[in-house]
C-alpha atoms as a PDB file:
ATOM      1  CA  MET A   1      -1.811  -2.257  12.696  1.00  0.00           C
ATOM      2  CA  ASP A   2      -0.846  -4.095   9.800  1.00  0.00           C
ATOM      3  CA  SER A   3      -0.701  -1.739   7.074  1.00  0.00           C
ATOM      4  CA  LYS A   4      -0.627  -4.460   4.590  1.00  0.00           C
ATOM      5  CA  LYS A   5      -4.218  -5.396   5.885  1.00  0.00           C
ATOM      6  CA  SER A   6      -5.273  -1.959   6.431  1.00  0.00           C
ATOM      7  CA  LEU A   7      -4.859   0.264   3.168  1.00  0.00           C
ATOM      8  CA  PRO A   8      -7.578  -0.559   0.344  1.00  0.00           C
ATOM      9  CA  VAL A   9      -6.646  -3.159  -2.585  1.00  0.00           C
ATOM     10  CA  PRO A  10      -6.521  -1.617  -5.491  1.00  0.00           C
ATOM     11  CA  PRO A  11      -4.829   2.136  -3.670  1.00  0.00           C
ATOM     12  CA  VAL A  12      -7.643   4.821  -4.207  1.00  0.00           C
ATOM     13  CA  TYR A  13      -5.954   8.212  -5.079  1.00  0.00           C
ATOM     14  CA  GLU A  14      -7.920  11.411  -4.654  1.00  0.00           C
ATOM     15  CA  GLY A  15      -7.104  15.065  -5.077  1.00  0.00           C
ATOM     16  CA  ASN A  16      -5.288  15.247  -8.191  1.00  0.00           C
ATOM     17  CA  TYR A  17      -2.564  17.955  -8.179  1.00  0.00           C
ATOM     18  CA  ALA A  18      -0.928  18.741 -11.754  1.00  0.00           C
ATOM     19  CA  MET A  19       2.402  20.466 -12.521  1.00  0.00           C
ATOM     20  CA  GLU A  20       4.283  20.900 -15.181  1.00  0.00           C
ATOM     21  CA  ASN A  21       8.158  20.910 -14.158  1.00  0.00           C
ATOM     22  CA  TYR A  22      11.241  19.511 -15.478  1.00  0.00           C
ATOM     23  CA  LEU A  23      13.966  18.071 -13.023  1.00  0.00           C
ATOM     24  CA  ILE A  24      17.326  18.198 -14.116  1.00  0.00           C
ATOM     25  CA  PRO A  25      19.801  15.278 -13.211  1.00  0.00           C
ATOM     26  CA  ASP A  26      20.507  15.103  -9.101  1.00  0.00           C
ATOM     27  CA  GLY A  27      17.203  17.543  -8.563  1.00  0.00           C
ATOM     28  CA  GLU A  28      14.305  17.413  -6.651  1.00  0.00           C
ATOM     29  CA  ILE A  29      10.703  18.332  -6.548  1.00  0.00           C
ATOM     30  CA  LEU A  30       8.311  18.497  -3.289  1.00  0.00           C
ATOM     31  CA  ILE A  31       5.010  15.863  -3.782  1.00  0.00           C
ATOM     32  CA  ALA A  32       4.362  15.695  -0.415  1.00  0.00           C
ATOM     33  CA  ILE A  33       4.344  17.655   2.947  1.00  0.00           C
ATOM     34  CA  PHE A  34       3.644  15.242   6.428  1.00  0.00           C
ATOM     35  CA  ASN A  35       4.064  16.860   9.779  1.00  0.00           C
ATOM     36  CA  PRO A  36       2.705  14.473  12.391  1.00  0.00           C
ATOM     37  CA  SER A  37       3.420  17.745  14.606  1.00  0.00           C
ATOM     38  CA  GLN A  38       0.906  19.457  12.813  1.00  0.00           C
ATOM     39  CA  SER A  39      -2.063  21.094  14.766  1.00  0.00           C
ATOM     40  CA  GLY A  40      -4.941  18.478  14.952  1.00  0.00           C
ATOM     41  CA  HIS A  41      -3.036  15.114  14.214  1.00  0.00           C
ATOM     42  CA  THR A  42      -2.957  13.603  17.399  1.00  0.00           C
ATOM     43  CA  ALA A  43      -7.234  14.895  17.517  1.00  0.00           C
ATOM     44  CA  LYS A  44      -7.573  12.525  14.433  1.00  0.00           C
ATOM     45  CA  ARG A  45      -5.517   9.719  15.774  1.00  0.00           C
ATOM     46  CA  ILE A  46      -7.671  10.007  18.878  1.00  0.00           C
ATOM     47  CA  GLU A  47     -10.620  10.034  16.697  1.00  0.00           C
ATOM     48  CA  VAL A  48      -9.842   7.126  14.550  1.00  0.00           C
ATOM     49  CA  ALA A  49      -8.579   5.040  18.201  1.00  0.00           C
ATOM     50  CA  THR A  50     -11.901   5.708  19.405  1.00  0.00           C
ATOM     51  CA  ALA A  51     -13.871   4.875  16.337  1.00  0.00           C
ATOM     52  CA  GLN A  52     -12.376   1.642  16.111  1.00  0.00           C
ATOM     53  CA  ASN A  53     -11.793   1.110  19.466  1.00  0.00           C
ATOM     54  CA  VAL A  54      -8.407   0.249  19.584  1.00  0.00           C
ATOM     55  CA  LYS A  55      -5.259   2.150  21.532  1.00  0.00           C
ATOM     56  CA  LEU A  56      -3.812   5.108  20.334  1.00  0.00           C
ATOM     57  CA  GLU A  57      -0.872   3.601  19.830  1.00  0.00           C
ATOM     58  CA  ASP A  58      -1.963   1.413  17.537  1.00  0.00           C
ATOM     59  CA  VAL A  59      -3.355   4.166  14.876  1.00  0.00           C
ATOM     60  CA  GLU A  60      -0.626   4.379  12.240  1.00  0.00           C
ATOM     61  CA  SER A  61       0.076   7.541  10.896  1.00  0.00           C
ATOM     62  CA  ALA A  62       0.546   6.765   6.746  1.00  0.00           C
ATOM     63  CA  ILE A  63       0.968   8.881   3.403  1.00  0.00           C
ATOM     64  CA  PHE A  64       0.674   7.519   0.388  1.00  0.00           C
ATOM     65  CA  GLY A  65       0.151   8.635  -3.337  1.00  0.00           C
ATOM     66  CA  GLN A  66       1.562   8.202  -7.344  1.00  0.00           C
ATOM     67  CA  VAL A  67       3.228  10.054  -9.620  1.00  0.00           C
ATOM     68  CA  GLU A  68       3.086  10.048 -13.179  1.00  0.00           C
ATOM     69  CA  TYR A  69       5.607  11.478 -15.570  1.00  0.00           C
ATOM     70  CA  LEU A  70       7.319  11.590 -18.723  1.00  0.00           C
ATOM     71  CA  ASP A  71      11.191  10.270 -18.616  1.00  0.00           C
ATOM     72  CA  GLY A  72      12.322  11.831 -21.404  1.00  0.00           C
ATOM     73  CA  ILE A  73      13.409   8.985 -22.989  1.00  0.00           C
ATOM     74  CA  THR A  74       9.903   7.283 -24.271  1.00  0.00           C
ATOM     75  CA  HIS A  75       6.290   8.847 -24.844  1.00  0.00           C
ATOM     76  CA  GLU A  76       4.843   6.828 -22.783  1.00  0.00           C
ATOM     77  CA  ARG A  77       3.407   7.953 -18.977  1.00  0.00           C
ATOM     78  CA  GLN A  78       5.257   6.122 -16.318  1.00  0.00           C
ATOM     79  CA  VAL A  79       3.987   5.525 -12.886  1.00  0.00           C
ATOM     80  CA  SER A  80       5.504   5.223  -9.860  1.00  0.00           C
ATOM     81  CA  ARG A  81       3.661   4.616  -6.144  1.00  0.00           C
ATOM     82  CA  TYR A  82       5.000   5.273  -2.706  1.00  0.00           C
ATOM     83  CA  CYS A  83       3.147   4.365   0.624  1.00  0.00           C
ATOM     84  CA  PHE A  84       4.991   5.647   4.535  1.00  0.00           C
ATOM     85  CA  ARG A  85       4.465   5.028   7.875  1.00  0.00           C
ATOM     86  CA  PHE A  86       5.489   7.305  10.608  1.00  0.00           C
ATOM     87  CA  GLU A  87       7.301   5.270  12.720  1.00  0.00           C
ATOM     88  CA  ARG A  88       7.805   6.705  16.573  1.00  0.00           C
ATOM     89  CA  GLY A  89      10.090   5.005  18.971  1.00  0.00           C
ATOM     90  CA  PRO A  90       8.440   3.942  22.117  1.00  0.00           C
ATOM     91  CA  PHE A  91       8.018   6.742  25.130  1.00  0.00           C
ATOM     92  CA  ARG A  92       9.373   9.079  22.641  1.00  0.00           C
ATOM     93  CA  ASN A  93       7.283  12.440  22.073  1.00  0.00           C
ATOM     94  CA  ILE A  94       9.464  13.877  19.420  1.00  0.00           C
ATOM     95  CA  GLY A  95      11.285  12.781  16.722  1.00  0.00           C
ATOM     96  CA  GLY A  96      10.687   9.585  14.655  1.00  0.00           C
ATOM     97  CA  SER A  97      11.150   8.185  10.687  1.00  0.00           C
ATOM     98  CA  PHE A  98       9.472   7.102   8.074  1.00  0.00           C
ATOM     99  CA  GLU A  99       9.347   3.641   6.996  1.00  0.00           C
ATOM    100  CA  PRO A 100       8.206   1.931   3.858  1.00  0.00           C
ATOM    101  CA  CYS A 101       5.094   0.583   4.498  1.00  0.00           C
ATOM    102  CA  GLY A 102       2.197  -1.238   2.684  1.00  0.00           C
ATOM    103  CA  PRO A 103       1.422  -3.852  -0.093  1.00  0.00           C
ATOM    104  CA  HIS A 104       2.840  -4.642  -3.403  1.00  0.00           C
ATOM    105  CA  GLU A 105       0.307  -2.061  -4.761  1.00  0.00           C
ATOM    106  CA  TYR A 106       1.147   0.959  -2.703  1.00  0.00           C
ATOM    107  CA  ASN A 107       4.986   0.691  -3.626  1.00  0.00           C
ATOM    108  CA  TYR A 108       5.427   0.545  -7.230  1.00  0.00           C
ATOM    109  CA  CYS A 109       8.628   2.014  -9.136  1.00  0.00           C
ATOM    110  CA  PRO A 110       9.323   0.485 -12.857  1.00  0.00           C
END
């Protein structure tokens, strides 16, 4: 499945989550959790494969979102967007990696 063709453009973001934290240089803030081994994940993929009449290995797992922030230099709100596909190698039941995917609208960082 081609994620550039599967994702709606423009992106639709639901479930806003607001936090007020300061990020120090070399710091990090957790913005998303994605666990492909989580209970129910495979069942959801099977449901999608059945509904779309495709093979299970053709159903991609992706996570995408956007972060709005103030950069501390200007008073304008900045926006960065991300989109990653979980890529599991052939014949592997565990492990894998996250690969950037999707159209430009999903991967924007000023």
